[in-house]
Amino acid sequence: MVIGVLNQKGGVGKTTLSVNIAAALARTGKRVLLIDADPQGSALDWAAAREEEPLFAVVGLPKPSIHKELTVVGEGYDHIVIDGPPRVTDLARSAIMASDIVLIPVQPSPYDIWAADEVVKLIQEASVFKENIKSFFVINRKIANTAIGRDVRDALGGYNIPTLKASIVQRVVFAEAAAVGKAIYEQDRDGIASQEIEAVVNELKENFT
């Protein structure tokens, strides 16, 4: 399974999601590769901050040829997660073309909902060439018990892309784990943040056929 995590808007938590999805998949004993396709290299920075043994491989590939190189770079891996760029570019197009599932993280903000439009258009373009590609919104950094946290799901209904039932609430523990190069389950093994990531991964698995 190749999961591309993309949204043209920065600050939506792409790298945090990418790292923790990769970690959750690796936790089951699968071989996982995380491709950092963001020129800012945030996933590589996360890997460099880690003192423990790697949970999974991390490589930088911020090039618009990911879909062409994936068969070589990803050989031998059970799952690949692509941390996409924060802008709609040829690099983003390539990441989408490489993916089986495109996951679009959206914060509960009208600005994020509007910004998702460009990624949705890219996915629609890519589906002409790769008709089996699947895509989902995931509500990320949700503030619990707020009206906008509840209403964002309805707002995303205007797009022809489903929203995962699972969502991620904004929690300090995500930043604390990232600062030391850890996955959330290492920092908060049985906590609710770990459970939220697991729920997202399980739903993606269910939708991958």
C-alpha atoms as a PDB file:
ATOM      1  CA  MET A   1       0.000   0.000   0.000  1.00  0.00           C
ATOM      2  CA  VAL A   2       1.324   3.414  -0.997  1.00  0.00           C
ATOM      3  CA  ILE A   3      -0.177   6.302   0.977  1.00  0.00           C
ATOM      4  CA  GLY A   4       0.448   9.865  -0.173  1.00  0.00           C
ATOM      5  CA  VAL A   5      -0.208  12.551   2.453  1.00  0.00           C
ATOM      6  CA  LEU A   6      -0.837  15.826   0.643  1.00  0.00           C
ATOM      7  CA  ASN A   7      -2.351  19.253   1.028  1.00  0.00           C
ATOM      8  CA  GLN A   8      -1.140  22.445  -0.615  1.00  0.00           C
ATOM      9  CA  LYS A   9      -1.613  24.372   2.644  1.00  0.00           C
ATOM     10  CA  GLY A  10       1.307  24.292   5.043  1.00  0.00           C
ATOM     11  CA  GLY A  11       0.856  23.671   8.734  1.00  0.00           C
ATOM     12  CA  VAL A  12      -1.867  21.038   8.446  1.00  0.00           C
ATOM     13  CA  GLY A  13       0.240  18.332  10.095  1.00  0.00           C
ATOM     14  CA  LYS A  14       1.311  16.318   7.048  1.00  0.00           C
ATOM     15  CA  THR A  15       4.638  15.227   8.474  1.00  0.00           C
ATOM     16  CA  THR A  16       3.230  14.334  11.886  1.00  0.00           C
ATOM     17  CA  LEU A  17       0.600  12.168  10.222  1.00  0.00           C
ATOM     18  CA  SER A  18       3.065  10.632   7.769  1.00  0.00           C
ATOM     19  CA  VAL A  19       5.551   9.683  10.478  1.00  0.00           C
ATOM     20  CA  ASN A  20       2.949   8.195  12.784  1.00  0.00           C
ATOM     21  CA  ILE A  21       1.113   6.318  10.036  1.00  0.00           C
ATOM     22  CA  ALA A  22       4.437   4.813   8.966  1.00  0.00           C
ATOM     23  CA  ALA A  23       5.228   3.908  12.585  1.00  0.00           C
ATOM     24  CA  ALA A  24       1.827   2.291  13.114  1.00  0.00           C
ATOM     25  CA  LEU A  25       2.299   0.169   9.990  1.00  0.00           C
ATOM     26  CA  ALA A  26       5.844  -0.787  11.024  1.00  0.00           C
ATOM     27  CA  ARG A  27       4.608  -1.712  14.486  1.00  0.00           C
ATOM     28  CA  THR A  28       2.778  -4.677  12.946  1.00  0.00           C
ATOM     29  CA  GLY A  29       6.066  -6.102  11.679  1.00  0.00           C
ATOM     30  CA  LYS A  30       5.784  -4.849   8.118  1.00  0.00           C
ATOM     31  CA  ARG A  31       8.662  -3.276   6.219  1.00  0.00           C
ATOM     32  CA  VAL A  32       7.847   0.393   5.784  1.00  0.00           C
ATOM     33  CA  LEU A  33       9.487   3.194   3.817  1.00  0.00           C
ATOM     34  CA  LEU A  34       8.745   6.872   4.440  1.00  0.00           C
ATOM     35  CA  ILE A  35       9.563   9.084   1.464  1.00  0.00           C
ATOM     36  CA  ASP A  36      10.126  12.725   2.346  1.00  0.00           C
ATOM     37  CA  ALA A  37       8.984  14.503  -0.809  1.00  0.00           C
ATOM     38  CA  ASP A  38       8.821  17.891   0.896  1.00  0.00           C
ATOM     39  CA  PRO A  39      11.782  20.128  -0.017  1.00  0.00           C
ATOM     40  CA  GLN A  40      11.726  21.378   3.591  1.00  0.00           C
ATOM     41  CA  GLY A  41      12.781  17.877   4.691  1.00  0.00           C
ATOM     42  CA  SER A  42      10.759  17.740   7.914  1.00  0.00           C
ATOM     43  CA  ALA A  43      10.539  13.934   7.977  1.00  0.00           C
ATOM     44  CA  LEU A  44      14.298  13.706   7.508  1.00  0.00           C
ATOM     45  CA  ASP A  45      14.716  16.147  10.411  1.00  0.00           C
ATOM     46  CA  TRP A  46      12.503  13.900  12.523  1.00  0.00           C
ATOM     47  CA  ALA A  47      14.659  10.880  11.667  1.00  0.00           C
ATOM     48  CA  ALA A  48      17.846  12.832  12.466  1.00  0.00           C
ATOM     49  CA  ALA A  49      16.478  13.790  15.899  1.00  0.00           C
ATOM     50  CA  ARG A  50      15.939  10.136  16.810  1.00  0.00           C
ATOM     51  CA  GLU A  51      18.433   8.482  19.163  1.00  0.00           C
ATOM     52  CA  GLU A  52      16.862   5.016  19.177  1.00  0.00           C
ATOM     53  CA  GLU A  53      17.073   2.426  16.417  1.00  0.00           C
ATOM     54  CA  PRO A  54      14.999   3.424  13.359  1.00  0.00           C
ATOM     55  CA  LEU A  55      11.419   2.186  13.266  1.00  0.00           C
ATOM     56  CA  PHE A  56      11.410   2.346   9.464  1.00  0.00           C
ATOM     57  CA  ALA A  57      13.507   3.675   6.596  1.00  0.00           C
ATOM     58  CA  VAL A  58      13.297   7.371   5.681  1.00  0.00           C
ATOM     59  CA  VAL A  59      14.604   8.718   2.378  1.00  0.00           C
ATOM     60  CA  GLY A  60      14.418  12.141   0.790  1.00  0.00           C
ATOM     61  CA  LEU A  61      13.034  12.267  -2.736  1.00  0.00           C
ATOM     62  CA  PRO A  62      11.760  15.796  -3.440  1.00  0.00           C
ATOM     63  CA  LYS A  63      11.702  15.205  -7.190  1.00  0.00           C
ATOM     64  CA  PRO A  64       8.840  15.149  -9.701  1.00  0.00           C
ATOM     65  CA  SER A  65       9.783  11.600 -10.675  1.00  0.00           C
ATOM     66  CA  ILE A  66       8.591   9.746  -7.587  1.00  0.00           C
ATOM     67  CA  HIS A  67       6.029   7.734  -9.552  1.00  0.00           C
ATOM     68  CA  LYS A  68       8.735   6.632 -11.977  1.00  0.00           C
ATOM     69  CA  GLU A  69      11.362   5.779  -9.337  1.00  0.00           C
ATOM     70  CA  LEU A  70       9.057   4.111  -6.824  1.00  0.00           C
ATOM     71  CA  THR A  71       9.447   0.595  -8.210  1.00  0.00           C
ATOM     72  CA  VAL A  72      13.200   0.812  -7.575  1.00  0.00           C
ATOM     73  CA  VAL A  73      13.278   2.926  -4.398  1.00  0.00           C
ATOM     74  CA  GLY A  74      10.394   1.018  -2.825  1.00  0.00           C
ATOM     75  CA  GLU A  75      11.476  -2.490  -3.741  1.00  0.00           C
ATOM     76  CA  GLY A  76      11.112  -4.929  -0.862  1.00  0.00           C
ATOM     77  CA  TYR A  77       8.811  -2.766   1.260  1.00  0.00           C
ATOM     78  CA  ASP A  78       5.311  -3.785   2.310  1.00  0.00           C
ATOM     79  CA  HIS A  79       4.057  -0.223   2.716  1.00  0.00           C
ATOM     80  CA  ILE A  80       5.242   3.192   1.552  1.00  0.00           C
ATOM     81  CA  VAL A  81       4.167   6.541   2.967  1.00  0.00           C
ATOM     82  CA  ILE A  82       4.886   9.733   1.019  1.00  0.00           C
ATOM     83  CA  ASP A  83       5.082  13.006   2.942  1.00  0.00           C
ATOM     84  CA  GLY A  84       4.116  15.361   0.139  1.00  0.00           C
ATOM     85  CA  PRO A  85       5.092  18.966  -0.596  1.00  0.00           C
ATOM     86  CA  PRO A  86       3.068  21.906   0.757  1.00  0.00           C
ATOM     87  CA  ARG A  87       2.360  23.343  -2.673  1.00  0.00           C
ATOM     88  CA  VAL A  88       0.615  22.203  -5.830  1.00  0.00           C
ATOM     89  CA  THR A  89       3.533  21.463  -8.130  1.00  0.00           C
ATOM     90  CA  ASP A  90       4.785  18.789 -10.505  1.00  0.00           C
ATOM     91  CA  LEU A  91       6.220  17.169  -7.389  1.00  0.00           C
ATOM     92  CA  ALA A  92       2.739  16.938  -5.865  1.00  0.00           C
ATOM     93  CA  ARG A  93       1.389  15.478  -9.101  1.00  0.00           C
ATOM     94  CA  SER A  94       4.116  12.855  -9.080  1.00  0.00           C
ATOM     95  CA  ALA A  95       3.386  11.940  -5.436  1.00  0.00           C
ATOM     96  CA  ILE A  96      -0.300  11.504  -6.264  1.00  0.00           C
ATOM     97  CA  MET A  97       0.491   9.342  -9.292  1.00  0.00           C
ATOM     98  CA  ALA A  98       2.686   7.150  -7.096  1.00  0.00           C
ATOM     99  CA  SER A  99      -0.032   6.611  -4.485  1.00  0.00           C
ATOM    100  CA  ASP A 100      -2.717   3.990  -4.064  1.00  0.00           C
ATOM    101  CA  ILE A 101      -4.431   6.191  -1.482  1.00  0.00           C
ATOM    102  CA  VAL A 102      -4.140   9.970  -1.147  1.00  0.00           C
ATOM    103  CA  LEU A 103      -4.819  11.226   2.350  1.00  0.00           C
ATOM    104  CA  ILE A 104      -5.643  14.932   2.635  1.00  0.00           C
ATOM    105  CA  PRO A 105      -5.235  16.270   6.173  1.00  0.00           C
ATOM    106  CA  VAL A 106      -7.509  19.226   6.890  1.00  0.00           C
ATOM    107  CA  GLN A 107      -7.657  21.312  10.024  1.00  0.00           C
ATOM    108  CA  PRO A 108     -11.104  22.478  11.162  1.00  0.00           C
ATOM    109  CA  SER A 109     -10.700  25.877   9.569  1.00  0.00           C
ATOM    110  CA  PRO A 110     -12.487  27.443   6.589  1.00  0.00           C
ATOM    111  CA  TYR A 111      -9.090  28.346   5.127  1.00  0.00           C
ATOM    112  CA  ASP A 112      -8.035  24.701   5.100  1.00  0.00           C
ATOM    113  CA  ILE A 113     -11.300  23.616   3.540  1.00  0.00           C
ATOM    114  CA  TRP A 114     -10.948  26.197   0.756  1.00  0.00           C
ATOM    115  CA  ALA A 115      -7.280  25.310   0.203  1.00  0.00           C
ATOM    116  CA  ALA A 116      -8.137  21.639  -0.296  1.00  0.00           C
ATOM    117  CA  ASP A 117      -9.702  22.521  -3.635  1.00  0.00           C
ATOM    118  CA  GLU A 118      -6.375  22.497  -5.482  1.00  0.00           C
ATOM    119  CA  VAL A 119      -5.367  19.054  -4.248  1.00  0.00           C
ATOM    120  CA  VAL A 120      -8.793  17.700  -5.123  1.00  0.00           C
ATOM    121  CA  LYS A 121      -8.333  18.977  -8.684  1.00  0.00           C
ATOM    122  CA  LEU A 122      -4.937  17.271  -8.937  1.00  0.00           C
ATOM    123  CA  ILE A 123      -6.432  13.983  -7.762  1.00  0.00           C
ATOM    124  CA  GLN A 124      -9.186  14.282 -10.354  1.00  0.00           C
ATOM    125  CA  GLU A 125      -6.558  14.860 -13.059  1.00  0.00           C
ATOM    126  CA  ALA A 126      -4.519  11.886 -11.858  1.00  0.00           C
ATOM    127  CA  SER A 127      -7.555   9.585 -11.826  1.00  0.00           C
ATOM    128  CA  VAL A 128      -7.742   9.882 -15.614  1.00  0.00           C
ATOM    129  CA  PHE A 129      -4.416   8.030 -15.795  1.00  0.00           C
ATOM    130  CA  LYS A 130      -4.755   5.977 -12.600  1.00  0.00           C
ATOM    131  CA  GLU A 131      -8.438   5.172 -12.233  1.00  0.00           C
ATOM    132  CA  ASN A 132      -8.084   2.979  -9.133  1.00  0.00           C
ATOM    133  CA  ILE A 133      -6.581   5.720  -6.976  1.00  0.00           C
ATOM    134  CA  LYS A 134      -8.513   6.369  -3.770  1.00  0.00           C
ATOM    135  CA  SER A 135      -8.592   9.550  -1.721  1.00  0.00           C
ATOM    136  CA  PHE A 136      -9.862  10.597   1.677  1.00  0.00           C
ATOM    137  CA  PHE A 137      -9.922  13.663   3.849  1.00  0.00           C
ATOM    138  CA  VAL A 138      -8.799  13.232   7.438  1.00  0.00           C
ATOM    139  CA  ILE A 139      -9.651  15.866  10.031  1.00  0.00           C
ATOM    140  CA  ASN A 140      -6.411  16.673  11.816  1.00  0.00           C
ATOM    141  CA  ARG A 141      -5.565  18.901  14.771  1.00  0.00           C
ATOM    142  CA  LYS A 142      -9.207  19.031  15.693  1.00  0.00           C
ATOM    143  CA  ILE A 143     -10.043  21.014  18.815  1.00  0.00           C
ATOM    144  CA  ALA A 144     -12.304  18.848  20.905  1.00  0.00           C
ATOM    145  CA  ASN A 145     -15.834  19.917  21.731  1.00  0.00           C
ATOM    146  CA  THR A 146     -15.951  22.922  19.410  1.00  0.00           C
ATOM    147  CA  ALA A 147     -18.611  23.741  16.864  1.00  0.00           C
ATOM    148  CA  ILE A 148     -16.160  24.060  13.989  1.00  0.00           C
ATOM    149  CA  GLY A 149     -14.681  20.701  14.898  1.00  0.00           C
ATOM    150  CA  ARG A 150     -18.115  19.186  14.343  1.00  0.00           C
ATOM    151  CA  ASP A 151     -19.063  21.267  11.317  1.00  0.00           C
ATOM    152  CA  VAL A 152     -15.921  20.678   9.244  1.00  0.00           C
ATOM    153  CA  ARG A 153     -17.139  17.229   8.236  1.00  0.00           C
ATOM    154  CA  ASP A 154     -20.286  18.763   6.744  1.00  0.00           C
ATOM    155  CA  ALA A 155     -18.248  21.445   4.957  1.00  0.00           C
ATOM    156  CA  LEU A 156     -16.006  18.816   3.349  1.00  0.00           C
ATOM    157  CA  GLY A 157     -19.124  17.121   2.037  1.00  0.00           C
ATOM    158  CA  GLY A 158     -19.077  19.644  -0.808  1.00  0.00           C
ATOM    159  CA  TYR A 159     -16.189  17.701  -2.350  1.00  0.00           C
ATOM    160  CA  ASN A 160     -16.626  14.369  -4.039  1.00  0.00           C
ATOM    161  CA  ILE A 161     -14.132  12.796  -1.647  1.00  0.00           C
ATOM    162  CA  PRO A 162     -15.128  10.949   1.542  1.00  0.00           C
ATOM    163  CA  THR A 163     -13.870  11.913   4.980  1.00  0.00           C
ATOM    164  CA  LEU A 164     -12.473   9.228   7.279  1.00  0.00           C
ATOM    165  CA  LYS A 165     -14.581   8.486  10.330  1.00  0.00           C
ATOM    166  CA  ALA A 166     -11.404   8.578  12.419  1.00  0.00           C
ATOM    167  CA  SER A 167      -9.922  11.975  13.230  1.00  0.00           C
ATOM    168  CA  ILE A 168      -6.967  13.393  15.153  1.00  0.00           C
ATOM    169  CA  VAL A 169      -7.366  15.852  18.015  1.00  0.00           C
ATOM    170  CA  GLN A 170      -4.705  18.492  18.591  1.00  0.00           C
ATOM    171  CA  ARG A 171      -2.522  17.331  21.476  1.00  0.00           C
ATOM    172  CA  VAL A 172       0.796  18.578  22.853  1.00  0.00           C
ATOM    173  CA  VAL A 173       2.100  15.017  23.001  1.00  0.00           C
ATOM    174  CA  PHE A 174       2.453  14.937  19.192  1.00  0.00           C
ATOM    175  CA  ALA A 175       4.934  17.836  19.296  1.00  0.00           C
ATOM    176  CA  GLU A 176       6.747  16.331  22.277  1.00  0.00           C
ATOM    177  CA  ALA A 177       7.227  13.043  20.431  1.00  0.00           C
ATOM    178  CA  ALA A 178       8.336  14.749  17.207  1.00  0.00           C
ATOM    179  CA  ALA A 179      10.961  16.829  19.022  1.00  0.00           C
ATOM    180  CA  VAL A 180      12.873  13.691  20.010  1.00  0.00           C
ATOM    181  CA  GLY A 181      12.268  11.703  16.839  1.00  0.00           C
ATOM    182  CA  LYS A 182       9.717   9.352  18.354  1.00  0.00           C
ATOM    183  CA  ALA A 183       6.425   7.998  17.124  1.00  0.00           C
ATOM    184  CA  ILE A 184       3.384   8.814  19.200  1.00  0.00           C
ATOM    185  CA  TYR A 185       2.987   5.233  20.426  1.00  0.00           C
ATOM    186  CA  GLU A 186       6.510   5.359  21.881  1.00  0.00           C
ATOM    187  CA  GLN A 187       5.760   8.567  23.743  1.00  0.00           C
ATOM    188  CA  ASP A 188       2.202   7.694  24.773  1.00  0.00           C
ATOM    189  CA  ARG A 189       1.879   3.958  24.211  1.00  0.00           C
ATOM    190  CA  ASP A 190      -1.675   3.361  25.367  1.00  0.00           C
ATOM    191  CA  GLY A 191      -2.899   6.951  25.233  1.00  0.00           C
ATOM    192  CA  ILE A 192      -5.773   8.309  23.216  1.00  0.00           C
ATOM    193  CA  ALA A 193      -3.428   9.960  20.668  1.00  0.00           C
ATOM    194  CA  SER A 194      -1.988   6.538  19.788  1.00  0.00           C
ATOM    195  CA  GLN A 195      -5.493   5.134  19.509  1.00  0.00           C
ATOM    196  CA  GLU A 196      -6.490   7.921  17.096  1.00  0.00           C
ATOM    197  CA  ILE A 197      -3.540   7.155  14.795  1.00  0.00           C
ATOM    198  CA  GLU A 198      -4.331   3.438  14.922  1.00  0.00           C
ATOM    199  CA  ALA A 199      -7.948   4.185  13.988  1.00  0.00           C
ATOM    200  CA  VAL A 200      -6.832   6.176  10.936  1.00  0.00           C
ATOM    201  CA  VAL A 201      -4.475   3.393   9.820  1.00  0.00           C
ATOM    202  CA  ASN A 202      -7.096   0.683  10.335  1.00  0.00           C
ATOM    203  CA  GLU A 203      -9.611   2.641   8.275  1.00  0.00           C
ATOM    204  CA  LEU A 204      -7.097   3.096   5.468  1.00  0.00           C
ATOM    205  CA  LYS A 205      -6.387  -0.640   5.484  1.00  0.00           C
ATOM    206  CA  GLU A 206     -10.101  -1.386   5.300  1.00  0.00           C
ATOM    207  CA  ASN A 207     -10.432   0.838   2.241  1.00  0.00           C
ATOM    208  CA  PHE A 208      -7.409  -0.599   0.448  1.00  0.00           C
ATOM    209  CA  THR A 209      -8.412  -3.454  -1.810  1.00  0.00           C
END
